[in-house]
Amino acid sequence: MAYATLNDLCCTVSDERIAEKLLERASRLIDDECGVEVDPDSARDVCAAMVERALIPMQSDVFGLSSASMSAGGYQQTLNYINSSGEIYLLDKERERLRGSDGTICFI
């Protein structure tokens, strides 16, 4: 079962089926890295953030761009995303959050 739902995501989702699968994968990654129960609120927020990063390349806006270039004469546009492959991963600050204030909630 996923820690977060589609309603927890801050971005617009064009394919809910893909987003739900990503939420499940992100939840499994949290479980695999932590190995113990985590705070449900922190896990929900971290799970949603992980999926939002993975969905960035699928969005039509410029959120998540690391660089962009455009040309008028040759009709060229280049967009480079921070997470162009749509990987699901935990940031160090998210690992810290899952650990909790006493450092014992999540052992990595």
N, C-alpha and C. Protein backbone atom coordinates (compact mmCIF):
# COMPACT_ATOMS: atom_id res chain seq x y z
N MET A 1 0.84 -1.18 0.00
CA MET A 1 0.00 0.00 0.00
C MET A 1 0.88 1.24 0.00
N ALA A 2 0.51 2.21 -0.78
CA ALA A 2 1.30 3.43 -0.91
C ALA A 2 1.09 4.35 0.30
N TYR A 3 2.15 5.07 0.66
CA TYR A 3 2.06 6.03 1.75
C TYR A 3 1.26 7.26 1.35
N ALA A 4 1.27 7.59 0.06
CA ALA A 4 0.58 8.79 -0.43
C ALA A 4 -0.45 8.40 -1.49
N THR A 5 -1.36 9.30 -1.75
CA THR A 5 -2.39 9.09 -2.77
C THR A 5 -2.25 10.18 -3.84
N LEU A 6 -3.02 10.06 -4.89
CA LEU A 6 -3.01 11.07 -5.94
C LEU A 6 -3.37 12.45 -5.39
N ASN A 7 -4.24 12.50 -4.40
CA ASN A 7 -4.64 13.77 -3.80
C ASN A 7 -3.49 14.45 -3.05
N ASP A 8 -2.47 13.70 -2.66
CA ASP A 8 -1.33 14.26 -1.94
C ASP A 8 -0.32 14.92 -2.87
N LEU A 9 -0.43 14.65 -4.16
CA LEU A 9 0.52 15.22 -5.12
C LEU A 9 0.18 16.68 -5.38
N CYS A 10 1.21 17.50 -5.51
CA CYS A 10 1.03 18.93 -5.79
C CYS A 10 0.95 19.22 -7.28
N CYS A 11 1.33 18.27 -8.10
CA CYS A 11 1.33 18.50 -9.55
C CYS A 11 0.10 17.87 -10.19
N THR A 12 -0.21 18.30 -11.38
CA THR A 12 -1.30 17.74 -12.15
C THR A 12 -0.81 16.43 -12.78
N VAL A 13 -1.64 15.43 -12.72
CA VAL A 13 -1.27 14.11 -13.24
C VAL A 13 -2.08 13.83 -14.49
N SER A 14 -1.37 13.58 -15.59
CA SER A 14 -2.07 13.28 -16.85
C SER A 14 -2.46 11.81 -16.95
N ASP A 15 -1.68 10.93 -16.32
CA ASP A 15 -1.98 9.50 -16.35
C ASP A 15 -2.00 8.99 -14.91
N GLU A 16 -3.18 8.85 -14.35
CA GLU A 16 -3.31 8.45 -12.95
C GLU A 16 -2.77 7.05 -12.69
N ARG A 17 -2.88 6.17 -13.66
CA ARG A 17 -2.38 4.80 -13.49
C ARG A 17 -0.88 4.79 -13.28
N ILE A 18 -0.17 5.58 -14.06
CA ILE A 18 1.29 5.68 -13.91
C ILE A 18 1.63 6.28 -12.55
N ALA A 19 0.93 7.33 -12.18
CA ALA A 19 1.19 8.00 -10.90
C ALA A 19 0.96 7.05 -9.73
N GLU A 20 -0.08 6.25 -9.78
CA GLU A 20 -0.35 5.29 -8.71
C GLU A 20 0.74 4.24 -8.61
N LYS A 21 1.23 3.77 -9.76
CA LYS A 21 2.33 2.80 -9.76
C LYS A 21 3.59 3.43 -9.16
N LEU A 22 3.86 4.69 -9.51
CA LEU A 22 5.02 5.38 -8.96
C LEU A 22 4.90 5.57 -7.46
N LEU A 23 3.69 5.86 -6.98
CA LEU A 23 3.47 6.00 -5.53
C LEU A 23 3.76 4.68 -4.81
N GLU A 24 3.35 3.58 -5.42
CA GLU A 24 3.62 2.27 -4.84
C GLU A 24 5.12 1.98 -4.81
N ARG A 25 5.81 2.29 -5.91
CA ARG A 25 7.26 2.06 -5.97
C ARG A 25 8.01 2.92 -4.97
N ALA A 26 7.61 4.17 -4.86
CA ALA A 26 8.25 5.07 -3.90
C ALA A 26 8.04 4.57 -2.48
N SER A 27 6.87 4.06 -2.18
CA SER A 27 6.58 3.52 -0.85
C SER A 27 7.44 2.30 -0.56
N ARG A 28 7.62 1.44 -1.55
CA ARG A 28 8.48 0.27 -1.36
C ARG A 28 9.93 0.69 -1.13
N LEU A 29 10.37 1.72 -1.85
CA LEU A 29 11.74 2.21 -1.65
C LEU A 29 11.92 2.74 -0.23
N ILE A 30 10.93 3.47 0.27
CA ILE A 30 10.99 3.96 1.65
C ILE A 30 11.07 2.78 2.60
N ASP A 31 10.23 1.77 2.40
CA ASP A 31 10.26 0.58 3.25
C ASP A 31 11.60 -0.14 3.17
N ASP A 32 12.13 -0.29 1.96
CA ASP A 32 13.41 -0.99 1.77
C ASP A 32 14.55 -0.25 2.47
N GLU A 33 14.56 1.06 2.39
CA GLU A 33 15.64 1.82 2.99
C GLU A 33 15.50 1.94 4.49
N CYS A 34 14.27 2.00 4.98
CA CYS A 34 14.05 2.21 6.41
C CYS A 34 13.96 0.90 7.18
N GLY A 35 13.30 -0.07 6.64
CA GLY A 35 13.22 -1.37 7.29
C GLY A 35 12.33 -1.41 8.53
N VAL A 36 11.86 -0.29 8.99
CA VAL A 36 10.97 -0.24 10.15
C VAL A 36 9.84 0.73 9.84
N GLU A 37 8.88 0.81 10.73
CA GLU A 37 7.78 1.74 10.50
C GLU A 37 8.27 3.17 10.58
N VAL A 38 7.72 4.00 9.73
CA VAL A 38 8.07 5.41 9.70
C VAL A 38 6.85 6.22 10.10
N ASP A 39 7.08 7.47 10.45
CA ASP A 39 5.98 8.38 10.75
C ASP A 39 5.11 8.51 9.51
N PRO A 40 3.80 8.22 9.61
CA PRO A 40 2.95 8.23 8.42
C PRO A 40 2.88 9.58 7.71
N ASP A 41 2.89 10.67 8.46
CA ASP A 41 2.83 12.00 7.84
C ASP A 41 4.11 12.29 7.07
N SER A 42 5.25 11.99 7.66
CA SER A 42 6.52 12.21 6.97
C SER A 42 6.64 11.30 5.76
N ALA A 43 6.23 10.04 5.90
CA ALA A 43 6.30 9.10 4.79
C ALA A 43 5.40 9.55 3.64
N ARG A 44 4.22 10.08 3.95
CA ARG A 44 3.31 10.57 2.91
C ARG A 44 3.94 11.73 2.15
N ASP A 45 4.51 12.68 2.88
CA ASP A 45 5.12 13.85 2.25
C ASP A 45 6.32 13.46 1.39
N VAL A 46 7.16 12.58 1.91
CA VAL A 46 8.36 12.15 1.18
C VAL A 46 7.96 11.34 -0.05
N CYS A 47 7.01 10.45 0.10
CA CYS A 47 6.53 9.64 -1.03
C CYS A 47 6.00 10.53 -2.15
N ALA A 48 5.19 11.51 -1.78
CA ALA A 48 4.63 12.43 -2.77
C ALA A 48 5.74 13.23 -3.47
N ALA A 49 6.72 13.70 -2.72
CA ALA A 49 7.82 14.47 -3.30
C ALA A 49 8.63 13.62 -4.28
N MET A 50 8.86 12.36 -3.93
CA MET A 50 9.61 11.46 -4.81
C MET A 50 8.88 11.27 -6.14
N VAL A 51 7.57 11.09 -6.07
CA VAL A 51 6.78 10.87 -7.29
C VAL A 51 6.69 12.16 -8.10
N GLU A 52 6.55 13.29 -7.44
CA GLU A 52 6.51 14.56 -8.17
C GLU A 52 7.79 14.77 -8.96
N ARG A 53 8.94 14.42 -8.38
CA ARG A 53 10.21 14.53 -9.12
C ARG A 53 10.21 13.61 -10.33
N ALA A 54 9.67 12.41 -10.18
CA ALA A 54 9.64 11.46 -11.29
C ALA A 54 8.68 11.90 -12.39
N LEU A 55 7.64 12.64 -12.02
CA LEU A 55 6.64 13.08 -13.00
C LEU A 55 7.04 14.35 -13.73
N ILE A 56 8.07 15.05 -13.27
CA ILE A 56 8.47 16.32 -13.87
C ILE A 56 8.65 16.22 -15.39
N PRO A 57 9.36 15.22 -15.92
CA PRO A 57 9.52 15.17 -17.38
C PRO A 57 8.22 15.00 -18.14
N MET A 58 7.17 14.52 -17.49
CA MET A 58 5.88 14.31 -18.16
C MET A 58 5.01 15.56 -18.15
N GLN A 59 5.41 16.57 -17.39
CA GLN A 59 4.60 17.78 -17.28
C GLN A 59 4.86 18.69 -18.47
N SER A 60 3.91 19.52 -18.79
CA SER A 60 4.04 20.39 -19.95
C SER A 60 4.62 21.76 -19.60
N ASP A 61 4.70 22.09 -18.31
CA ASP A 61 5.23 23.40 -17.93
C ASP A 61 6.75 23.34 -17.78
N VAL A 62 7.34 24.41 -17.32
CA VAL A 62 8.80 24.48 -17.24
C VAL A 62 9.32 24.14 -15.85
N PHE A 63 8.48 23.65 -14.96
CA PHE A 63 8.92 23.26 -13.64
C PHE A 63 9.92 22.11 -13.75
N GLY A 64 11.03 22.21 -13.07
CA GLY A 64 12.03 21.16 -13.08
C GLY A 64 13.08 21.27 -14.16
N LEU A 65 13.10 22.36 -14.88
CA LEU A 65 14.11 22.54 -15.92
C LEU A 65 15.44 22.94 -15.31
N SER A 66 16.51 22.33 -15.79
CA SER A 66 17.84 22.76 -15.37
C SER A 66 18.39 23.79 -16.36
N SER A 67 17.93 23.71 -17.61
CA SER A 67 18.32 24.71 -18.61
C SER A 67 17.34 24.65 -19.78
N ALA A 68 17.27 25.77 -20.50
CA ALA A 68 16.40 25.84 -21.67
C ALA A 68 17.02 26.78 -22.68
N SER A 69 16.88 26.47 -23.96
CA SER A 69 17.35 27.37 -25.02
C SER A 69 16.34 27.34 -26.16
N MET A 70 16.23 28.48 -26.83
CA MET A 70 15.29 28.59 -27.95
C MET A 70 15.95 29.36 -29.08
N SER A 71 15.54 29.08 -30.29
CA SER A 71 16.01 29.82 -31.47
C SER A 71 14.80 30.14 -32.32
N ALA A 72 14.84 31.27 -32.99
CA ALA A 72 13.71 31.67 -33.82
C ALA A 72 13.89 31.26 -35.28
N GLY A 73 15.08 31.46 -35.85
CA GLY A 73 15.30 31.19 -37.26
C GLY A 73 15.17 29.73 -37.63
N GLY A 74 15.75 28.87 -36.87
CA GLY A 74 15.73 27.45 -37.18
C GLY A 74 14.67 26.68 -36.43
N TYR A 75 13.80 27.36 -35.72
CA TYR A 75 12.74 26.73 -34.94
C TYR A 75 13.27 25.63 -34.04
N GLN A 76 14.21 25.97 -33.21
CA GLN A 76 14.83 24.99 -32.33
C GLN A 76 14.52 25.34 -30.88
N GLN A 77 14.22 24.33 -30.08
CA GLN A 77 14.00 24.51 -28.65
C GLN A 77 14.61 23.33 -27.93
N THR A 78 15.36 23.58 -26.88
CA THR A 78 15.98 22.53 -26.10
C THR A 78 15.62 22.72 -24.64
N LEU A 79 15.10 21.67 -24.02
CA LEU A 79 14.75 21.70 -22.61
C LEU A 79 15.49 20.56 -21.92
N ASN A 80 16.20 20.87 -20.86
CA ASN A 80 16.91 19.86 -20.08
C ASN A 80 16.33 19.83 -18.67
N TYR A 81 15.81 18.68 -18.29
CA TYR A 81 15.19 18.52 -16.98
C TYR A 81 16.19 17.98 -15.96
N ILE A 82 15.96 18.32 -14.72
CA ILE A 82 16.81 17.86 -13.64
C ILE A 82 16.76 16.34 -13.54
N ASN A 83 15.59 15.76 -13.67
CA ASN A 83 15.41 14.31 -13.56
C ASN A 83 14.76 13.81 -14.84
N SER A 84 15.47 13.93 -15.94
CA SER A 84 14.89 13.63 -17.24
C SER A 84 14.48 12.18 -17.42
N SER A 85 15.08 11.26 -16.69
CA SER A 85 14.73 9.85 -16.85
C SER A 85 13.57 9.43 -15.96
N GLY A 86 13.10 10.33 -15.07
CA GLY A 86 11.97 10.00 -14.22
C GLY A 86 12.29 9.03 -13.11
N GLU A 87 13.53 9.04 -12.63
CA GLU A 87 13.95 8.14 -11.56
C GLU A 87 13.24 8.47 -10.24
N ILE A 88 13.02 7.45 -9.44
CA ILE A 88 12.49 7.63 -8.09
C ILE A 88 13.67 7.45 -7.13
N TYR A 89 13.90 8.48 -6.32
CA TYR A 89 15.03 8.42 -5.39
C TYR A 89 14.74 9.26 -4.16
N LEU A 90 15.47 8.97 -3.09
CA LEU A 90 15.37 9.72 -1.85
C LEU A 90 16.50 10.73 -1.76
N LEU A 91 16.18 11.95 -1.41
CA LEU A 91 17.21 12.95 -1.13
C LEU A 91 17.70 12.76 0.30
N ASP A 92 18.91 13.24 0.59
CA ASP A 92 19.44 13.13 1.94
C ASP A 92 18.52 13.79 2.96
N LYS A 93 17.95 14.94 2.62
CA LYS A 93 17.07 15.63 3.56
C LYS A 93 15.79 14.82 3.81
N GLU A 94 15.36 14.04 2.82
CA GLU A 94 14.18 13.18 3.02
C GLU A 94 14.53 12.00 3.91
N ARG A 95 15.73 11.46 3.75
CA ARG A 95 16.16 10.38 4.65
C ARG A 95 16.21 10.88 6.09
N GLU A 96 16.73 12.09 6.27
CA GLU A 96 16.78 12.68 7.61
C GLU A 96 15.38 12.86 8.18
N ARG A 97 14.47 13.30 7.36
CA ARG A 97 13.09 13.49 7.83
C ARG A 97 12.47 12.17 8.24
N LEU A 98 12.73 11.11 7.48
CA LEU A 98 12.17 9.81 7.82
C LEU A 98 12.78 9.26 9.11
N ARG A 99 14.01 9.64 9.40
CA ARG A 99 14.65 9.21 10.65
C ARG A 99 13.94 9.78 11.86
N GLY A 100 13.41 10.99 11.73
CA GLY A 100 12.75 11.62 12.86
C GLY A 100 13.72 12.40 13.71
N SER A 101 13.20 13.10 14.68
CA SER A 101 14.03 13.98 15.51
C SER A 101 15.00 13.22 16.40
N ASP A 102 14.63 12.00 16.82
CA ASP A 102 15.54 11.25 17.68
C ASP A 102 16.46 10.33 16.90
N GLY A 103 16.32 10.26 15.58
CA GLY A 103 17.21 9.48 14.74
C GLY A 103 16.95 7.99 14.78
N THR A 104 15.87 7.53 15.41
CA THR A 104 15.67 6.09 15.55
C THR A 104 14.50 5.55 14.75
N ILE A 105 13.74 6.39 14.09
CA ILE A 105 12.56 5.89 13.37
C ILE A 105 12.96 5.10 12.14
N CYS A 106 13.97 5.58 11.43
CA CYS A 106 14.39 4.92 10.19
C CYS A 106 15.87 4.66 10.23
N PHE A 107 16.27 3.43 10.10
CA PHE A 107 17.68 3.06 10.09
C PHE A 107 18.11 2.82 8.66
N ILE A 108 19.08 3.59 8.17
CA ILE A 108 19.55 3.44 6.81
C ILE A 108 21.01 3.03 6.82
